[in-house]
Amino acid sequence: MKTEASNAITLLVKDHAEVKEMFKKFEGLSDRSKASKKKIADAICEALTLHTQIEEEIFYPAARAAIKDGDLMDEALVEHASAKELIAQIQSMDPDDELYDAKVKVLSEQIEHHVEEEETEMFPKVRRTGLDLVALGKEMAARRELAHV
């Protein structure tokens, strides 16, 4: 089971599920829950920032070399850039600000689309290559640990 836990794709899918759950929690909060909204939105932004950083620094370069699908990888990077812009806006806002909830909702929708493309297009292509997903997973886990130090 240790091998499965350190598989690069398994780690990324786990991140996806955790963020999806956080978005659900956010959507379930009432307008009276300003402090809770801010706390969950900040947690979403932090999780996505670390996730995209690890993908861009470690997973994407390896995937790009392995699958030879530059268009798919370029699209993923553009989607990351768009998400990063929204994340920065959300982090600089307060739940009382106009469009706060709307920006979190749009981020949720963008991430849902991005995750679906990764999980249905990119990850299956990567799995069919000879890429060492266990070694890549270990590198990604080590990078995540550095971020939490």
N, C-alpha and C. Protein backbone atom coordinates (compact mmCIF):
# COMPACT_ATOMS: atom_id res chain seq x y z
N MET A 1 0.82 -1.20 0.00
CA MET A 1 0.00 0.00 0.00
C MET A 1 0.86 1.26 0.00
N LYS A 2 2.05 1.17 0.55
CA LYS A 2 2.97 2.32 0.58
C LYS A 2 3.24 2.81 -0.84
N THR A 3 3.43 1.88 -1.77
CA THR A 3 3.70 2.23 -3.16
C THR A 3 2.54 3.04 -3.72
N GLU A 4 1.31 2.60 -3.49
CA GLU A 4 0.14 3.29 -4.01
C GLU A 4 0.04 4.70 -3.42
N ALA A 5 0.34 4.84 -2.16
CA ALA A 5 0.23 6.14 -1.50
C ALA A 5 1.23 7.15 -2.07
N SER A 6 2.37 6.66 -2.59
CA SER A 6 3.37 7.58 -3.09
C SER A 6 3.33 7.72 -4.61
N ASN A 7 2.34 7.10 -5.26
CA ASN A 7 2.15 7.24 -6.69
C ASN A 7 1.75 8.69 -6.99
N ALA A 8 2.41 9.31 -7.95
CA ALA A 8 2.17 10.73 -8.25
C ALA A 8 0.71 11.03 -8.56
N ILE A 9 0.11 10.21 -9.39
CA ILE A 9 -1.29 10.46 -9.78
C ILE A 9 -2.22 10.26 -8.59
N THR A 10 -1.95 9.27 -7.78
CA THR A 10 -2.77 9.04 -6.58
C THR A 10 -2.72 10.26 -5.66
N LEU A 11 -1.55 10.84 -5.49
CA LEU A 11 -1.40 12.03 -4.66
C LEU A 11 -2.22 13.20 -5.22
N LEU A 12 -2.15 13.39 -6.53
CA LEU A 12 -2.87 14.50 -7.15
C LEU A 12 -4.39 14.30 -7.06
N VAL A 13 -4.85 13.08 -7.28
CA VAL A 13 -6.28 12.78 -7.20
C VAL A 13 -6.78 13.00 -5.77
N LYS A 14 -5.96 12.64 -4.80
CA LYS A 14 -6.32 12.86 -3.39
C LYS A 14 -6.47 14.36 -3.11
N ASP A 15 -5.54 15.17 -3.63
CA ASP A 15 -5.64 16.62 -3.51
C ASP A 15 -6.95 17.12 -4.12
N HIS A 16 -7.26 16.61 -5.32
CA HIS A 16 -8.49 17.03 -6.00
C HIS A 16 -9.72 16.77 -5.13
N ALA A 17 -9.78 15.58 -4.54
CA ALA A 17 -10.93 15.21 -3.71
C ALA A 17 -11.03 16.11 -2.48
N GLU A 18 -9.89 16.41 -1.87
CA GLU A 18 -9.88 17.25 -0.67
C GLU A 18 -10.37 18.67 -0.98
N VAL A 19 -9.93 19.22 -2.10
CA VAL A 19 -10.35 20.58 -2.47
C VAL A 19 -11.83 20.59 -2.84
N LYS A 20 -12.28 19.56 -3.53
CA LYS A 20 -13.70 19.47 -3.89
C LYS A 20 -14.56 19.47 -2.62
N GLU A 21 -14.11 18.77 -1.62
CA GLU A 21 -14.83 18.72 -0.34
C GLU A 21 -14.84 20.10 0.34
N MET A 22 -13.74 20.81 0.26
CA MET A 22 -13.68 22.16 0.84
C MET A 22 -14.65 23.11 0.12
N PHE A 23 -14.72 22.99 -1.20
CA PHE A 23 -15.66 23.83 -1.95
C PHE A 23 -17.10 23.52 -1.52
N LYS A 24 -17.41 22.24 -1.31
CA LYS A 24 -18.74 21.85 -0.85
C LYS A 24 -19.07 22.48 0.49
N LYS A 25 -18.09 22.46 1.40
CA LYS A 25 -18.29 23.07 2.72
C LYS A 25 -18.56 24.56 2.58
N PHE A 26 -17.80 25.22 1.73
CA PHE A 26 -17.98 26.65 1.52
C PHE A 26 -19.39 26.94 1.02
N GLU A 27 -19.83 26.18 0.02
CA GLU A 27 -21.14 26.40 -0.57
C GLU A 27 -22.27 26.16 0.44
N GLY A 28 -22.01 25.32 1.43
CA GLY A 28 -23.03 25.01 2.43
C GLY A 28 -23.17 26.03 3.53
N LEU A 29 -22.28 27.02 3.55
CA LEU A 29 -22.33 28.02 4.62
C LEU A 29 -23.32 29.13 4.30
N SER A 30 -23.94 29.65 5.33
CA SER A 30 -24.88 30.76 5.14
C SER A 30 -24.11 32.08 5.09
N ASP A 31 -24.80 33.12 4.71
CA ASP A 31 -24.17 34.44 4.64
C ASP A 31 -23.78 34.96 6.02
N ARG A 32 -24.33 34.38 7.06
CA ARG A 32 -23.99 34.81 8.43
C ARG A 32 -22.66 34.21 8.89
N SER A 33 -22.11 33.29 8.12
CA SER A 33 -20.88 32.58 8.51
C SER A 33 -19.64 33.21 7.89
N LYS A 34 -19.50 34.51 8.02
CA LYS A 34 -18.38 35.23 7.37
C LYS A 34 -17.01 34.69 7.77
N ALA A 35 -16.80 34.48 9.07
CA ALA A 35 -15.49 33.99 9.53
C ALA A 35 -15.21 32.60 8.99
N SER A 36 -16.22 31.75 8.99
CA SER A 36 -16.04 30.39 8.46
C SER A 36 -15.78 30.41 6.96
N LYS A 37 -16.49 31.29 6.26
CA LYS A 37 -16.28 31.41 4.81
C LYS A 37 -14.83 31.81 4.52
N LYS A 38 -14.35 32.81 5.25
CA LYS A 38 -12.98 33.29 5.03
C LYS A 38 -11.98 32.17 5.32
N LYS A 39 -12.21 31.45 6.42
CA LYS A 39 -11.29 30.38 6.81
C LYS A 39 -11.25 29.27 5.75
N ILE A 40 -12.41 28.86 5.26
CA ILE A 40 -12.45 27.79 4.26
C ILE A 40 -11.91 28.29 2.92
N ALA A 41 -12.28 29.49 2.52
CA ALA A 41 -11.77 30.03 1.25
C ALA A 41 -10.25 30.15 1.30
N ASP A 42 -9.72 30.61 2.42
CA ASP A 42 -8.26 30.70 2.55
C ASP A 42 -7.61 29.32 2.48
N ALA A 43 -8.24 28.33 3.10
CA ALA A 43 -7.71 26.95 3.06
C ALA A 43 -7.73 26.41 1.63
N ILE A 44 -8.80 26.71 0.90
CA ILE A 44 -8.90 26.30 -0.51
C ILE A 44 -7.76 26.94 -1.30
N CYS A 45 -7.58 28.23 -1.12
CA CYS A 45 -6.55 28.96 -1.86
C CYS A 45 -5.15 28.43 -1.55
N GLU A 46 -4.88 28.16 -0.28
CA GLU A 46 -3.57 27.62 0.10
C GLU A 46 -3.35 26.23 -0.50
N ALA A 47 -4.38 25.38 -0.43
CA ALA A 47 -4.25 24.02 -0.97
C ALA A 47 -4.03 24.06 -2.47
N LEU A 48 -4.78 24.90 -3.17
CA LEU A 48 -4.62 24.99 -4.62
C LEU A 48 -3.28 25.59 -5.01
N THR A 49 -2.80 26.54 -4.25
CA THR A 49 -1.50 27.16 -4.54
C THR A 49 -0.39 26.12 -4.44
N LEU A 50 -0.40 25.34 -3.37
CA LEU A 50 0.63 24.31 -3.22
C LEU A 50 0.49 23.23 -4.29
N HIS A 51 -0.75 22.83 -4.56
CA HIS A 51 -1.01 21.79 -5.56
C HIS A 51 -0.50 22.23 -6.95
N THR A 52 -0.84 23.44 -7.35
CA THR A 52 -0.41 23.91 -8.67
C THR A 52 1.11 24.06 -8.74
N GLN A 53 1.70 24.49 -7.64
CA GLN A 53 3.16 24.64 -7.59
C GLN A 53 3.84 23.27 -7.80
N ILE A 54 3.36 22.27 -7.11
CA ILE A 54 3.94 20.93 -7.23
C ILE A 54 3.72 20.37 -8.64
N GLU A 55 2.52 20.59 -9.18
CA GLU A 55 2.27 20.13 -10.55
C GLU A 55 3.21 20.81 -11.54
N GLU A 56 3.33 22.13 -11.42
CA GLU A 56 4.13 22.88 -12.38
C GLU A 56 5.62 22.62 -12.25
N GLU A 57 6.10 22.42 -11.03
CA GLU A 57 7.54 22.21 -10.82
C GLU A 57 7.97 20.77 -11.09
N ILE A 58 7.09 19.81 -10.79
CA ILE A 58 7.51 18.41 -10.83
C ILE A 58 6.69 17.56 -11.81
N PHE A 59 5.38 17.53 -11.62
CA PHE A 59 4.56 16.60 -12.41
C PHE A 59 4.45 17.00 -13.88
N TYR A 60 4.10 18.25 -14.15
CA TYR A 60 3.89 18.66 -15.53
C TYR A 60 5.12 18.50 -16.42
N PRO A 61 6.30 18.91 -15.96
CA PRO A 61 7.48 18.70 -16.83
C PRO A 61 7.69 17.22 -17.17
N ALA A 62 7.51 16.35 -16.19
CA ALA A 62 7.68 14.91 -16.43
C ALA A 62 6.59 14.40 -17.36
N ALA A 63 5.36 14.85 -17.13
CA ALA A 63 4.23 14.42 -17.97
C ALA A 63 4.41 14.92 -19.40
N ARG A 64 4.83 16.17 -19.55
CA ARG A 64 5.02 16.75 -20.89
C ARG A 64 6.03 15.92 -21.69
N ALA A 65 7.13 15.57 -21.04
CA ALA A 65 8.17 14.78 -21.72
C ALA A 65 7.66 13.38 -22.06
N ALA A 66 6.84 12.81 -21.18
CA ALA A 66 6.38 11.43 -21.37
C ALA A 66 5.27 11.31 -22.41
N ILE A 67 4.29 12.21 -22.38
CA ILE A 67 3.12 12.03 -23.26
C ILE A 67 3.23 12.76 -24.59
N LYS A 68 4.15 13.69 -24.69
CA LYS A 68 4.37 14.43 -25.94
C LYS A 68 3.07 15.07 -26.46
N ASP A 69 2.28 15.65 -25.56
CA ASP A 69 1.06 16.35 -25.93
C ASP A 69 1.15 17.77 -25.41
N GLY A 70 1.88 18.60 -26.16
CA GLY A 70 2.12 19.97 -25.74
C GLY A 70 0.85 20.77 -25.58
N ASP A 71 -0.14 20.56 -26.46
CA ASP A 71 -1.39 21.31 -26.37
C ASP A 71 -2.10 21.06 -25.05
N LEU A 72 -2.21 19.81 -24.64
CA LEU A 72 -2.87 19.45 -23.39
C LEU A 72 -2.14 20.07 -22.20
N MET A 73 -0.82 20.00 -22.22
CA MET A 73 -0.03 20.54 -21.12
C MET A 73 -0.09 22.07 -21.09
N ASP A 74 -0.07 22.70 -22.27
CA ASP A 74 -0.17 24.16 -22.34
C ASP A 74 -1.51 24.63 -21.80
N GLU A 75 -2.58 23.92 -22.16
CA GLU A 75 -3.91 24.27 -21.68
C GLU A 75 -3.97 24.18 -20.15
N ALA A 76 -3.35 23.16 -19.60
CA ALA A 76 -3.34 22.99 -18.14
C ALA A 76 -2.63 24.17 -17.48
N LEU A 77 -1.53 24.62 -18.07
CA LEU A 77 -0.80 25.77 -17.50
C LEU A 77 -1.61 27.06 -17.59
N VAL A 78 -2.34 27.24 -18.68
CA VAL A 78 -3.18 28.43 -18.82
C VAL A 78 -4.31 28.39 -17.79
N GLU A 79 -4.87 27.22 -17.58
CA GLU A 79 -5.91 27.07 -16.56
C GLU A 79 -5.35 27.38 -15.17
N HIS A 80 -4.12 26.95 -14.91
CA HIS A 80 -3.48 27.28 -13.63
C HIS A 80 -3.33 28.79 -13.48
N ALA A 81 -2.90 29.45 -14.54
CA ALA A 81 -2.68 30.90 -14.48
C ALA A 81 -4.00 31.62 -14.17
N SER A 82 -5.06 31.18 -14.78
CA SER A 82 -6.38 31.77 -14.54
C SER A 82 -6.81 31.54 -13.09
N ALA A 83 -6.60 30.34 -12.60
CA ALA A 83 -6.95 30.03 -11.21
C ALA A 83 -6.12 30.88 -10.24
N LYS A 84 -4.83 31.05 -10.55
CA LYS A 84 -3.96 31.84 -9.67
C LYS A 84 -4.43 33.29 -9.57
N GLU A 85 -4.94 33.84 -10.67
CA GLU A 85 -5.46 35.21 -10.65
C GLU A 85 -6.66 35.30 -9.70
N LEU A 86 -7.57 34.35 -9.82
CA LEU A 86 -8.75 34.35 -8.95
C LEU A 86 -8.35 34.12 -7.49
N ILE A 87 -7.41 33.22 -7.27
CA ILE A 87 -6.93 32.95 -5.91
C ILE A 87 -6.38 34.24 -5.28
N ALA A 88 -5.58 34.97 -6.03
CA ALA A 88 -5.01 36.22 -5.51
C ALA A 88 -6.11 37.21 -5.17
N GLN A 89 -7.12 37.29 -6.02
CA GLN A 89 -8.24 38.20 -5.75
C GLN A 89 -8.99 37.79 -4.49
N ILE A 90 -9.29 36.51 -4.37
CA ILE A 90 -10.03 36.00 -3.21
C ILE A 90 -9.23 36.23 -1.93
N GLN A 91 -7.93 35.97 -1.98
CA GLN A 91 -7.10 36.13 -0.78
C GLN A 91 -7.03 37.59 -0.33
N SER A 92 -7.19 38.52 -1.25
CA SER A 92 -7.11 39.93 -0.89
C SER A 92 -8.47 40.51 -0.50
N MET A 93 -9.50 39.66 -0.54
CA MET A 93 -10.85 40.13 -0.26
C MET A 93 -11.33 39.67 1.12
N ASP A 94 -12.47 40.22 1.49
CA ASP A 94 -13.16 39.86 2.72
C ASP A 94 -14.53 39.31 2.31
N PRO A 95 -15.09 38.36 3.06
CA PRO A 95 -16.40 37.80 2.69
C PRO A 95 -17.51 38.84 2.56
N ASP A 96 -17.34 40.02 3.15
CA ASP A 96 -18.33 41.10 3.01
C ASP A 96 -18.22 41.80 1.65
N ASP A 97 -17.09 41.64 0.98
CA ASP A 97 -16.87 42.32 -0.29
C ASP A 97 -17.82 41.81 -1.37
N GLU A 98 -18.20 42.73 -2.22
CA GLU A 98 -19.04 42.37 -3.36
C GLU A 98 -18.29 41.36 -4.24
N LEU A 99 -18.98 40.39 -4.70
CA LEU A 99 -18.47 39.34 -5.61
C LEU A 99 -17.58 38.29 -4.94
N TYR A 100 -17.40 38.34 -3.63
CA TYR A 100 -16.56 37.35 -2.94
C TYR A 100 -17.07 35.93 -3.21
N ASP A 101 -18.34 35.70 -2.88
CA ASP A 101 -18.91 34.37 -3.08
C ASP A 101 -18.87 33.97 -4.55
N ALA A 102 -19.14 34.92 -5.43
CA ALA A 102 -19.14 34.63 -6.87
C ALA A 102 -17.75 34.21 -7.34
N LYS A 103 -16.73 34.86 -6.82
CA LYS A 103 -15.36 34.51 -7.23
C LYS A 103 -14.98 33.11 -6.73
N VAL A 104 -15.39 32.78 -5.51
CA VAL A 104 -15.12 31.43 -5.01
C VAL A 104 -15.88 30.40 -5.85
N LYS A 105 -17.11 30.72 -6.24
CA LYS A 105 -17.91 29.80 -7.06
C LYS A 105 -17.26 29.61 -8.43
N VAL A 106 -16.82 30.68 -9.05
CA VAL A 106 -16.17 30.58 -10.37
C VAL A 106 -14.87 29.79 -10.25
N LEU A 107 -14.12 30.01 -9.19
CA LEU A 107 -12.90 29.23 -8.96
C LEU A 107 -13.26 27.75 -8.86
N SER A 108 -14.30 27.45 -8.12
CA SER A 108 -14.75 26.07 -7.96
C SER A 108 -15.07 25.45 -9.32
N GLU A 109 -15.79 26.18 -10.16
CA GLU A 109 -16.16 25.67 -11.49
C GLU A 109 -14.93 25.49 -12.38
N GLN A 110 -14.00 26.44 -12.31
CA GLN A 110 -12.77 26.31 -13.11
C GLN A 110 -11.96 25.10 -12.67
N ILE A 111 -11.86 24.91 -11.37
CA ILE A 111 -11.08 23.79 -10.84
C ILE A 111 -11.76 22.47 -11.20
N GLU A 112 -13.08 22.44 -11.11
CA GLU A 112 -13.82 21.22 -11.48
C GLU A 112 -13.53 20.84 -12.93
N HIS A 113 -13.55 21.81 -13.83
CA HIS A 113 -13.25 21.58 -15.25
C HIS A 113 -11.81 21.09 -15.42
N HIS A 114 -10.89 21.76 -14.75
CA HIS A 114 -9.47 21.42 -14.85
C HIS A 114 -9.21 20.00 -14.34
N VAL A 115 -9.79 19.68 -13.20
CA VAL A 115 -9.61 18.35 -12.60
C VAL A 115 -10.16 17.27 -13.53
N GLU A 116 -11.32 17.54 -14.12
CA GLU A 116 -11.91 16.55 -15.03
C GLU A 116 -10.97 16.28 -16.22
N GLU A 117 -10.38 17.33 -16.77
CA GLU A 117 -9.45 17.14 -17.89
C GLU A 117 -8.20 16.38 -17.46
N GLU A 118 -7.68 16.72 -16.28
CA GLU A 118 -6.51 15.98 -15.80
C GLU A 118 -6.84 14.51 -15.60
N GLU A 119 -7.95 14.24 -14.92
CA GLU A 119 -8.27 12.87 -14.54
C GLU A 119 -8.77 12.01 -15.71
N THR A 120 -9.38 12.64 -16.73
CA THR A 120 -9.91 11.84 -17.85
C THR A 120 -9.01 11.85 -19.09
N GLU A 121 -8.15 12.87 -19.21
CA GLU A 121 -7.29 12.95 -20.39
C GLU A 121 -5.80 12.79 -20.04
N MET A 122 -5.30 13.69 -19.19
CA MET A 122 -3.87 13.71 -18.91
C MET A 122 -3.40 12.47 -18.14
N PHE A 123 -4.05 12.16 -17.03
CA PHE A 123 -3.58 11.06 -16.19
C PHE A 123 -3.61 9.71 -16.91
N PRO A 124 -4.68 9.39 -17.67
CA PRO A 124 -4.64 8.13 -18.41
C PRO A 124 -3.48 8.06 -19.42
N LYS A 125 -3.19 9.19 -20.08
CA LYS A 125 -2.07 9.22 -21.03
C LYS A 125 -0.75 8.98 -20.29
N VAL A 126 -0.59 9.62 -19.13
CA VAL A 126 0.64 9.47 -18.35
C VAL A 126 0.78 8.02 -17.87
N ARG A 127 -0.32 7.42 -17.43
CA ARG A 127 -0.27 6.03 -16.95
C ARG A 127 0.21 5.06 -18.04
N ARG A 128 -0.10 5.37 -19.30
CA ARG A 128 0.28 4.48 -20.41
C ARG A 128 1.75 4.62 -20.81
N THR A 129 2.47 5.55 -20.20
CA THR A 129 3.89 5.74 -20.51
C THR A 129 4.74 4.94 -19.53
N GLY A 130 6.01 5.00 -19.73
CA GLY A 130 6.93 4.31 -18.82
C GLY A 130 7.36 5.19 -17.65
N LEU A 131 6.68 6.29 -17.46
CA LEU A 131 7.04 7.22 -16.39
C LEU A 131 6.96 6.53 -15.02
N ASP A 132 8.00 6.72 -14.22
CA ASP A 132 8.05 6.12 -12.88
C ASP A 132 7.21 6.98 -11.94
N LEU A 133 5.95 6.60 -11.79
CA LEU A 133 5.02 7.39 -10.98
C LEU A 133 5.32 7.31 -9.49
N VAL A 134 5.94 6.23 -9.07
CA VAL A 134 6.29 6.09 -7.65
C VAL A 134 7.43 7.06 -7.31
N ALA A 135 8.47 7.08 -8.14
CA ALA A 135 9.59 8.00 -7.91
C ALA A 135 9.10 9.45 -7.98
N LEU A 136 8.25 9.73 -8.94
CA LEU A 136 7.70 11.07 -9.09
C LEU A 136 6.85 11.44 -7.87
N GLY A 137 6.08 10.49 -7.38
CA GLY A 137 5.26 10.71 -6.19
C GLY A 137 6.11 11.01 -4.97
N LYS A 138 7.22 10.31 -4.84
CA LYS A 138 8.12 10.56 -3.71
C LYS A 138 8.70 11.96 -3.79
N GLU A 139 9.08 12.38 -5.00
CA GLU A 139 9.62 13.73 -5.19
C GLU A 139 8.56 14.78 -4.85
N MET A 140 7.33 14.54 -5.27
CA MET A 140 6.24 15.47 -5.00
C MET A 140 5.93 15.53 -3.50
N ALA A 141 5.93 14.38 -2.83
CA ALA A 141 5.67 14.35 -1.39
C ALA A 141 6.78 15.08 -0.63
N ALA A 142 8.01 14.92 -1.06
CA ALA A 142 9.13 15.61 -0.43
C ALA A 142 9.00 17.13 -0.62
N ARG A 143 8.58 17.55 -1.80
CA ARG A 143 8.38 18.98 -2.10
C ARG A 143 7.27 19.55 -1.22
N ARG A 144 6.22 18.76 -1.02
CA ARG A 144 5.10 19.19 -0.17
C ARG A 144 5.59 19.37 1.27
N GLU A 145 6.41 18.45 1.73
CA GLU A 145 6.96 18.53 3.11
C GLU A 145 7.77 19.81 3.28
N LEU A 146 8.56 20.17 2.27
CA LEU A 146 9.36 21.40 2.34
C LEU A 146 8.46 22.63 2.50
N ALA A 147 7.32 22.59 1.84
CA ALA A 147 6.39 23.72 1.91
C ALA A 147 5.76 23.87 3.28
N HIS A 148 5.69 22.76 4.01
CA HIS A 148 5.06 22.79 5.34
C HIS A 148 6.05 23.02 6.47
N VAL A 149 7.33 23.20 6.12
CA VAL A 149 8.35 23.42 7.15
C VAL A 149 8.34 24.86 7.60
